[in-house]
Amino acid sequence: FDGVETFDFEPIEVLHSPLTTHICYRKRDVG
């Protein structure tokens, strides 16, 4: 995400395992 001015997503789910991490982001509502 280098050079990205805004990241309008919020994490909604995080799953951990010994070998990887899975993060699901959803677009934030504007308003």
PDB file of all heavy atoms in Angstrom:
ATOM      1  N   PHE A   1       0.813  -1.212   0.000  1.00  0.00           N
ATOM      2  CA  PHE A   1       0.000   0.000   0.000  1.00  0.00           C
ATOM      3  C   PHE A   1       0.850   1.266   0.000  1.00  0.00           C
ATOM      4  O   PHE A   1       0.344   2.346   0.298  1.00  0.00           O
ATOM      5  CB  PHE A   1      -0.968   0.012   1.186  1.00  0.00           C
ATOM      6  CG  PHE A   1      -1.983  -1.102   1.114  1.00  0.00           C
ATOM      7  CD1 PHE A   1      -2.019  -2.092   2.076  1.00  0.00           C
ATOM      8  CD2 PHE A   1      -2.880  -1.163   0.073  1.00  0.00           C
ATOM      9  CE1 PHE A   1      -2.948  -3.118   2.004  1.00  0.00           C
ATOM     10  CE2 PHE A   1      -3.816  -2.180  -0.015  1.00  0.00           C
ATOM     11  CZ  PHE A   1      -3.846  -3.164   0.952  1.00  0.00           C
ATOM     12  N   ASP A   2       2.134   1.160  -0.344  1.00  0.00           N
ATOM     13  CA  ASP A   2       2.974   2.352  -0.463  1.00  0.00           C
ATOM     14  C   ASP A   2       2.431   3.261  -1.560  1.00  0.00           C
ATOM     15  O   ASP A   2       2.103   2.805  -2.656  1.00  0.00           O
ATOM     16  CB  ASP A   2       4.413   1.960  -0.810  1.00  0.00           C
ATOM     17  CG  ASP A   2       5.383   2.284   0.298  1.00  0.00           C
ATOM     18  OD1 ASP A   2       4.935   2.734   1.366  1.00  0.00           O
ATOM     19  OD2 ASP A   2       6.589   2.089   0.093  1.00  0.00           O
ATOM     20  N   GLY A   3       2.304   4.535  -1.267  1.00  0.00           N
ATOM     21  CA  GLY A   3       1.816   5.487  -2.248  1.00  0.00           C
ATOM     22  C   GLY A   3       0.301   5.636  -2.274  1.00  0.00           C
ATOM     23  O   GLY A   3      -0.221   6.483  -2.986  1.00  0.00           O
ATOM     24  N   VAL A   4      -0.413   4.823  -1.514  1.00  0.00           N
ATOM     25  CA  VAL A   4      -1.872   4.928  -1.442  1.00  0.00           C
ATOM     26  C   VAL A   4      -2.212   6.004  -0.416  1.00  0.00           C
ATOM     27  O   VAL A   4      -1.825   5.907   0.746  1.00  0.00           O
ATOM     28  CB  VAL A   4      -2.512   3.579  -1.040  1.00  0.00           C
ATOM     29  CG1 VAL A   4      -4.013   3.722  -0.852  1.00  0.00           C
ATOM     30  CG2 VAL A   4      -2.188   2.519  -2.073  1.00  0.00           C
ATOM     31  N   GLU A   5      -2.906   7.043  -0.851  1.00  0.00           N
ATOM     32  CA  GLU A   5      -3.208   8.158   0.045  1.00  0.00           C
ATOM     33  C   GLU A   5      -4.264   7.803   1.089  1.00  0.00           C
ATOM     34  O   GLU A   5      -4.146   8.178   2.248  1.00  0.00           O
ATOM     35  CB  GLU A   5      -3.650   9.374  -0.761  1.00  0.00           C
ATOM     36  CG  GLU A   5      -2.530   9.957  -1.599  1.00  0.00           C
ATOM     37  CD  GLU A   5      -2.962  11.198  -2.352  1.00  0.00           C
ATOM     38  OE1 GLU A   5      -3.940  11.841  -1.937  1.00  0.00           O
ATOM     39  OE2 GLU A   5      -2.319  11.503  -3.364  1.00  0.00           O
ATOM     40  N   THR A   6      -5.316   7.119   0.676  1.00  0.00           N
ATOM     41  CA  THR A   6      -6.357   6.725   1.621  1.00  0.00           C
ATOM     42  C   THR A   6      -6.676   5.249   1.434  1.00  0.00           C
ATOM     43  O   THR A   6      -6.633   4.723   0.326  1.00  0.00           O
ATOM     44  CB  THR A   6      -7.660   7.535   1.427  1.00  0.00           C
ATOM     45  OG1 THR A   6      -8.152   7.300   0.107  1.00  0.00           O
ATOM     46  CG2 THR A   6      -7.443   9.011   1.643  1.00  0.00           C
ATOM     47  N   PHE A   7      -6.962   4.602   2.536  1.00  0.00           N
ATOM     48  CA  PHE A   7      -7.380   3.199   2.517  1.00  0.00           C
ATOM     49  C   PHE A   7      -8.703   3.155   3.253  1.00  0.00           C
ATOM     50  O   PHE A   7      -8.759   3.091   4.476  1.00  0.00           O
ATOM     51  CB  PHE A   7      -6.323   2.322   3.208  1.00  0.00           C
ATOM     52  CG  PHE A   7      -6.610   0.855   3.124  1.00  0.00           C
ATOM     53  CD1 PHE A   7      -6.459   0.178   1.928  1.00  0.00           C
ATOM     54  CD2 PHE A   7      -7.024   0.143   4.233  1.00  0.00           C
ATOM     55  CE1 PHE A   7      -6.713  -1.181   1.837  1.00  0.00           C
ATOM     56  CE2 PHE A   7      -7.284  -1.208   4.163  1.00  0.00           C
ATOM     57  CZ  PHE A   7      -7.120  -1.871   2.964  1.00  0.00           C
ATOM     58  N   ASP A   8      -9.806   3.271   2.508  1.00  0.00           N
ATOM     59  CA  ASP A   8     -11.142   3.400   3.088  1.00  0.00           C
ATOM     60  C   ASP A   8     -11.794   2.055   3.359  1.00  0.00           C
ATOM     61  O   ASP A   8     -12.977   1.857   3.082  1.00  0.00           O
ATOM     62  CB  ASP A   8     -12.032   4.248   2.182  1.00  0.00           C
ATOM     63  CG  ASP A   8     -11.599   5.692   2.118  1.00  0.00           C
ATOM     64  OD1 ASP A   8     -11.047   6.187   3.117  1.00  0.00           O
ATOM     65  OD2 ASP A   8     -11.798   6.322   1.069  1.00  0.00           O
ATOM     66  N   PHE A   9     -11.023   1.119   3.875  1.00  0.00           N
ATOM     67  CA  PHE A   9     -11.531  -0.199   4.226  1.00  0.00           C
ATOM     68  C   PHE A   9     -11.325  -0.428   5.713  1.00  0.00           C
ATOM     69  O   PHE A   9     -10.385   0.088   6.306  1.00  0.00           O
ATOM     70  CB  PHE A   9     -10.802  -1.295   3.439  1.00  0.00           C
ATOM     71  CG  PHE A   9     -11.147  -1.324   1.984  1.00  0.00           C
ATOM     72  CD1 PHE A   9     -10.538  -0.464   1.089  1.00  0.00           C
ATOM     73  CD2 PHE A   9     -12.083  -2.215   1.502  1.00  0.00           C
ATOM     74  CE1 PHE A   9     -10.858  -0.484  -0.257  1.00  0.00           C
ATOM     75  CE2 PHE A   9     -12.412  -2.246   0.160  1.00  0.00           C
ATOM     76  CZ  PHE A   9     -11.795  -1.382  -0.724  1.00  0.00           C
ATOM     77  N   GLU A  10     -12.226  -1.204   6.318  1.00  0.00           N
ATOM     78  CA  GLU A  10     -12.079  -1.564   7.720  1.00  0.00           C
ATOM     79  C   GLU A  10     -12.036  -3.085   7.827  1.00  0.00           C
ATOM     80  O   GLU A  10     -12.729  -3.780   7.081  1.00  0.00           O
ATOM     81  CB  GLU A  10     -13.224  -1.006   8.553  1.00  0.00           C
ATOM     82  CG  GLU A  10     -14.598  -1.459   8.129  1.00  0.00           C
ATOM     83  CD  GLU A  10     -15.710  -0.769   8.900  1.00  0.00           C
ATOM     84  OE1 GLU A  10     -15.437  -0.200   9.956  1.00  0.00           O
ATOM     85  OE2 GLU A  10     -16.844  -0.807   8.418  1.00  0.00           O
ATOM     86  N   PRO A  11     -11.223  -3.615   8.743  1.00  0.00           N
ATOM     87  CA  PRO A  11     -11.163  -5.068   8.888  1.00  0.00           C
ATOM     88  C   PRO A  11     -12.465  -5.597   9.494  1.00  0.00           C
ATOM     89  O   PRO A  11     -12.986  -5.038  10.459  1.00  0.00           O
ATOM     90  CB  PRO A  11      -9.980  -5.284   9.837  1.00  0.00           C
ATOM     91  CG  PRO A  11      -9.791  -3.988  10.531  1.00  0.00           C
ATOM     92  CD  PRO A  11     -10.307  -2.923   9.614  1.00  0.00           C
ATOM     93  N   ILE A  12     -12.997  -6.652   8.902  1.00  0.00           N
ATOM     94  CA  ILE A  12     -14.232  -7.238   9.418  1.00  0.00           C
ATOM     95  C   ILE A  12     -14.021  -8.656   9.934  1.00  0.00           C
ATOM     96  O   ILE A  12     -14.846  -9.167  10.687  1.00  0.00           O
ATOM     97  CB  ILE A  12     -15.361  -7.224   8.356  1.00  0.00           C
ATOM     98  CG1 ILE A  12     -14.942  -7.958   7.092  1.00  0.00           C
ATOM     99  CG2 ILE A  12     -15.796  -5.810   8.062  1.00  0.00           C
ATOM    100  CD1 ILE A  12     -16.064  -8.174   6.103  1.00  0.00           C
ATOM    101  N   GLU A  13     -12.911  -9.293   9.519  1.00  0.00           N
ATOM    102  CA  GLU A  13     -12.627 -10.652   9.982  1.00  0.00           C
ATOM    103  C   GLU A  13     -11.128 -10.894   9.898  1.00  0.00           C
ATOM    104  O   GLU A  13     -10.488 -10.527   8.911  1.00  0.00           O
ATOM    105  CB  GLU A  13     -13.371 -11.670   9.130  1.00  0.00           C
ATOM    106  CG  GLU A  13     -13.169 -13.095   9.569  1.00  0.00           C
ATOM    107  CD  GLU A  13     -13.960 -14.080   8.724  1.00  0.00           C
ATOM    108  OE1 GLU A  13     -14.178 -13.814   7.530  1.00  0.00           O
ATOM    109  OE2 GLU A  13     -14.349 -15.119   9.272  1.00  0.00           O
ATOM    110  N   VAL A  14     -10.575 -11.513  10.937  1.00  0.00           N
ATOM    111  CA  VAL A  14      -9.165 -11.879  10.951  1.00  0.00           C
ATOM    112  C   VAL A  14      -9.064 -13.322  11.409  1.00  0.00           C
ATOM    113  O   VAL A  14      -9.594 -13.679  12.464  1.00  0.00           O
ATOM    114  CB  VAL A  14      -8.343 -10.974  11.895  1.00  0.00           C
ATOM    115  CG1 VAL A  14      -6.892 -11.404  11.920  1.00  0.00           C
ATOM    116  CG2 VAL A  14      -8.459  -9.517  11.487  1.00  0.00           C
ATOM    117  N   LEU A  15      -8.426 -14.154  10.603  1.00  0.00           N
ATOM    118  CA  LEU A  15      -8.223 -15.558  10.940  1.00  0.00           C
ATOM    119  C   LEU A  15      -6.727 -15.829  10.982  1.00  0.00           C
ATOM    120  O   LEU A  15      -6.000 -15.485  10.042  1.00  0.00           O
ATOM    121  CB  LEU A  15      -8.885 -16.471   9.904  1.00  0.00           C
ATOM    122  CG  LEU A  15     -10.383 -16.312   9.720  1.00  0.00           C
ATOM    123  CD1 LEU A  15     -10.863 -17.142   8.532  1.00  0.00           C
ATOM    124  CD2 LEU A  15     -11.114 -16.718  10.986  1.00  0.00           C
ATOM    125  N   HIS A  16      -6.270 -16.450  12.081  1.00  0.00           N
ATOM    126  CA  HIS A  16      -4.849 -16.753  12.249  1.00  0.00           C
ATOM    127  C   HIS A  16      -4.623 -18.252  12.163  1.00  0.00           C
ATOM    128  O   HIS A  16      -5.453 -19.039  12.593  1.00  0.00           O
ATOM    129  CB  HIS A  16      -4.361 -16.283  13.621  1.00  0.00           C
ATOM    130  CG  HIS A  16      -4.531 -14.825  13.862  1.00  0.00           C
ATOM    131  ND1 HIS A  16      -3.626 -13.905  13.412  1.00  0.00           N
ATOM    132  CD2 HIS A  16      -5.486 -14.126  14.501  1.00  0.00           C
ATOM    133  CE1 HIS A  16      -4.020 -12.697  13.769  1.00  0.00           C
ATOM    134  NE2 HIS A  16      -5.163 -12.805  14.435  1.00  0.00           N
ATOM    135  N   SER A  17      -3.487 -18.618  11.616  1.00  0.00           N
ATOM    136  CA  SER A  17      -3.021 -19.994  11.663  1.00  0.00           C
ATOM    137  C   SER A  17      -1.505 -19.930  11.843  1.00  0.00           C
ATOM    138  O   SER A  17      -0.918 -18.852  11.725  1.00  0.00           O
ATOM    139  CB  SER A  17      -3.410 -20.751  10.385  1.00  0.00           C
ATOM    140  OG  SER A  17      -2.603 -20.346   9.304  1.00  0.00           O
ATOM    141  N   PRO A  18      -0.847 -21.038  12.108  1.00  0.00           N
ATOM    142  CA  PRO A  18       0.608 -20.987  12.300  1.00  0.00           C
ATOM    143  C   PRO A  18       1.386 -20.497  11.074  1.00  0.00           C
ATOM    144  O   PRO A  18       2.473 -19.952  11.211  1.00  0.00           O
ATOM    145  CB  PRO A  18       0.980 -22.433  12.614  1.00  0.00           C
ATOM    146  CG  PRO A  18      -0.270 -23.043  13.152  1.00  0.00           C
ATOM    147  CD  PRO A  18      -1.398 -22.354  12.419  1.00  0.00           C
ATOM    148  N   LEU A  19       0.828 -20.643   9.880  1.00  0.00           N
ATOM    149  CA  LEU A  19       1.574 -20.307   8.671  1.00  0.00           C
ATOM    150  C   LEU A  19       1.097 -19.058   7.945  1.00  0.00           C
ATOM    151  O   LEU A  19       1.780 -18.560   7.063  1.00  0.00           O
ATOM    152  CB  LEU A  19       1.548 -21.488   7.697  1.00  0.00           C
ATOM    153  CG  LEU A  19       2.169 -22.784   8.216  1.00  0.00           C
ATOM    154  CD1 LEU A  19       2.007 -23.900   7.205  1.00  0.00           C
ATOM    155  CD2 LEU A  19       3.634 -22.574   8.566  1.00  0.00           C
ATOM    156  N   THR A  20      -0.090 -18.568   8.279  1.00  0.00           N
ATOM    157  CA  THR A  20      -0.616 -17.413   7.540  1.00  0.00           C
ATOM    158  C   THR A  20      -1.670 -16.668   8.371  1.00  0.00           C
ATOM    159  O   THR A  20      -2.178 -17.185   9.352  1.00  0.00           O
ATOM    160  CB  THR A  20      -1.223 -17.854   6.190  1.00  0.00           C
ATOM    161  OG1 THR A  20      -1.553 -16.710   5.429  1.00  0.00           O
ATOM    162  CG2 THR A  20      -2.461 -18.696   6.380  1.00  0.00           C
ATOM    163  N   THR A  21      -1.954 -15.453   7.950  1.00  0.00           N
ATOM    164  CA  THR A  21      -3.030 -14.661   8.529  1.00  0.00           C
ATOM    165  C   THR A  21      -3.941 -14.209   7.392  1.00  0.00           C
ATOM    166  O   THR A  21      -3.458 -13.756   6.360  1.00  0.00           O
ATOM    167  CB  THR A  21      -2.482 -13.430   9.274  1.00  0.00           C
ATOM    168  OG1 THR A  21      -1.624 -13.877  10.326  1.00  0.00           O
ATOM    169  CG2 THR A  21      -3.597 -12.603   9.872  1.00  0.00           C
ATOM    170  N   HIS A  22      -5.233 -14.362   7.568  1.00  0.00           N
ATOM    171  CA  HIS A  22      -6.221 -13.967   6.567  1.00  0.00           C
ATOM    172  C   HIS A  22      -6.999 -12.780   7.129  1.00  0.00           C
ATOM    173  O   HIS A  22      -7.574 -12.879   8.211  1.00  0.00           O
ATOM    174  CB  HIS A  22      -7.186 -15.105   6.254  1.00  0.00           C
ATOM    175  CG  HIS A  22      -6.506 -16.393   5.915  1.00  0.00           C
ATOM    176  ND1 HIS A  22      -6.023 -16.647   4.662  1.00  0.00           N
ATOM    177  CD2 HIS A  22      -6.209 -17.466   6.673  1.00  0.00           C
ATOM    178  CE1 HIS A  22      -5.472 -17.850   4.654  1.00  0.00           C
ATOM    179  NE2 HIS A  22      -5.571 -18.361   5.862  1.00  0.00           N
ATOM    180  N   ILE A  23      -7.007 -11.669   6.398  1.00  0.00           N
ATOM    181  CA  ILE A  23      -7.737 -10.482   6.837  1.00  0.00           C
ATOM    182  C   ILE A  23      -8.732 -10.097   5.758  1.00  0.00           C
ATOM    183  O   ILE A  23      -8.364  -9.929   4.600  1.00  0.00           O
ATOM    184  CB  ILE A  23      -6.790  -9.296   7.100  1.00  0.00           C
ATOM    185  CG1 ILE A  23      -5.679  -9.697   8.062  1.00  0.00           C
ATOM    186  CG2 ILE A  23      -7.573  -8.102   7.647  1.00  0.00           C
ATOM    187  CD1 ILE A  23      -4.613  -8.641   8.231  1.00  0.00           C
ATOM    188  N   CYS A  24      -9.986  -9.968   6.151  1.00  0.00           N
ATOM    189  CA  CYS A  24     -11.036  -9.547   5.223  1.00  0.00           C
ATOM    190  C   CYS A  24     -11.422  -8.112   5.566  1.00  0.00           C
ATOM    191  O   CYS A  24     -11.734  -7.805   6.710  1.00  0.00           O
ATOM    192  CB  CYS A  24     -12.242 -10.471   5.342  1.00  0.00           C
ATOM    193  SG  CYS A  24     -13.511 -10.122   4.105  1.00  0.00           S
ATOM    194  N   TYR A  25     -11.351  -7.238   4.568  1.00  0.00           N
ATOM    195  CA  TYR A  25     -11.690  -5.826   4.725  1.00  0.00           C
ATOM    196  C   TYR A  25     -12.962  -5.525   3.950  1.00  0.00           C
ATOM    197  O   TYR A  25     -13.206  -6.104   2.900  1.00  0.00           O
ATOM    198  CB  TYR A  25     -10.589  -4.928   4.151  1.00  0.00           C
ATOM    199  CG  TYR A  25      -9.282  -4.971   4.893  1.00  0.00           C
ATOM    200  CD1 TYR A  25      -8.267  -5.818   4.498  1.00  0.00           C
ATOM    201  CD2 TYR A  25      -9.055  -4.125   5.967  1.00  0.00           C
ATOM    202  CE1 TYR A  25      -7.056  -5.836   5.167  1.00  0.00           C
ATOM    203  CE2 TYR A  25      -7.840  -4.134   6.638  1.00  0.00           C
ATOM    204  CZ  TYR A  25      -6.844  -5.002   6.226  1.00  0.00           C
ATOM    205  OH  TYR A  25      -5.652  -5.007   6.884  1.00  0.00           O
ATOM    206  N   ARG A  26     -13.749  -4.599   4.456  1.00  0.00           N
ATOM    207  CA  ARG A  26     -14.951  -4.128   3.762  1.00  0.00           C
ATOM    208  C   ARG A  26     -14.859  -2.620   3.605  1.00  0.00           C
ATOM    209  O   ARG A  26     -14.384  -1.909   4.487  1.00  0.00           O
ATOM    210  CB  ARG A  26     -16.202  -4.478   4.564  1.00  0.00           C
ATOM    211  CG  ARG A  26     -17.487  -4.083   3.837  1.00  0.00           C
ATOM    212  CD  ARG A  26     -18.740  -4.551   4.544  1.00  0.00           C
ATOM    213  NE  ARG A  26     -18.778  -6.005   4.501  1.00  0.00           N
ATOM    214  CZ  ARG A  26     -19.295  -6.759   5.468  1.00  0.00           C
ATOM    215  NH1 ARG A  26     -19.800  -6.216   6.545  1.00  0.00           N
ATOM    216  NH2 ARG A  26     -19.285  -8.059   5.361  1.00  0.00           N
ATOM    217  N   LYS A  27     -15.333  -2.124   2.476  1.00  0.00           N
ATOM    218  CA  LYS A  27     -15.347  -0.685   2.186  1.00  0.00           C
ATOM    219  C   LYS A  27     -16.166   0.030   3.248  1.00  0.00           C
ATOM    220  O   LYS A  27     -17.266  -0.386   3.581  1.00  0.00           O
ATOM    221  CB  LYS A  27     -15.947  -0.446   0.799  1.00  0.00           C
ATOM    222  CG  LYS A  27     -15.958   0.970   0.350  1.00  0.00           C
ATOM    223  CD  LYS A  27     -14.644   1.362  -0.217  1.00  0.00           C
ATOM    224  CE  LYS A  27     -14.763   2.748  -0.872  1.00  0.00           C
ATOM    225  NZ  LYS A  27     -13.492   3.321  -1.106  1.00  0.00           N
ATOM    226  N   ARG A  28     -15.615   1.111   3.799  1.00  0.00           N
ATOM    227  CA  ARG A  28     -16.329   1.912   4.795  1.00  0.00           C
ATOM    228  C   ARG A  28     -17.470   2.653   4.127  1.00  0.00           C
ATOM    229  O   ARG A  28     -17.344   3.128   3.007  1.00  0.00           O
ATOM    230  CB  ARG A  28     -15.398   2.922   5.442  1.00  0.00           C
ATOM    231  CG  ARG A  28     -14.456   2.314   6.401  1.00  0.00           C
ATOM    232  CD  ARG A  28     -13.750   3.389   7.203  1.00  0.00           C
ATOM    233  NE  ARG A  28     -12.834   2.735   8.107  1.00  0.00           N
ATOM    234  CZ  ARG A  28     -11.567   3.079   8.251  1.00  0.00           C
ATOM    235  NH1 ARG A  28     -11.068   4.061   7.560  1.00  0.00           N
ATOM    236  NH2 ARG A  28     -10.814   2.437   9.085  1.00  0.00           N
ATOM    237  N   ASP A  29     -18.579   2.772   4.835  1.00  0.00           N
ATOM    238  CA  ASP A  29     -19.705   3.560   4.344  1.00  0.00           C
ATOM    239  C   ASP A  29     -19.344   5.034   4.394  1.00  0.00           C
ATOM    240  O   ASP A  29     -18.817   5.518   5.393  1.00  0.00           O
ATOM    241  CB  ASP A  29     -20.957   3.316   5.178  1.00  0.00           C
ATOM    242  CG  ASP A  29     -21.513   1.907   4.983  1.00  0.00           C
ATOM    243  OD1 ASP A  29     -21.322   1.362   3.886  1.00  0.00           O
ATOM    244  OD2 ASP A  29     -22.110   1.371   5.929  1.00  0.00           O
ATOM    245  N   VAL A  30     -19.638   5.740   3.321  1.00  0.00           N
ATOM    246  CA  VAL A  30     -19.396   7.178   3.272  1.00  0.00           C
ATOM    247  C   VAL A  30     -20.664   7.875   3.719  1.00  0.00           C
ATOM    248  O   VAL A  30     -21.730   7.624   3.191  1.00  0.00           O
ATOM    249  CB  VAL A  30     -18.992   7.626   1.851  1.00  0.00           C
ATOM    250  CG1 VAL A  30     -18.805   9.126   1.816  1.00  0.00           C
ATOM    251  CG2 VAL A  30     -17.742   6.895   1.401  1.00  0.00           C
ATOM    252  N   GLY A  31     -20.538   8.731   4.718  1.00  0.00           N
ATOM    253  CA  GLY A  31     -21.735   9.448   5.114  1.00  0.00           C
ATOM    254  C   GLY A  31     -21.844   9.740   6.543  1.00  0.00           C
ATOM    255  O   GLY A  31     -21.359   9.480   7.492  1.00  0.00           O
TER     256      GLY A  31
END
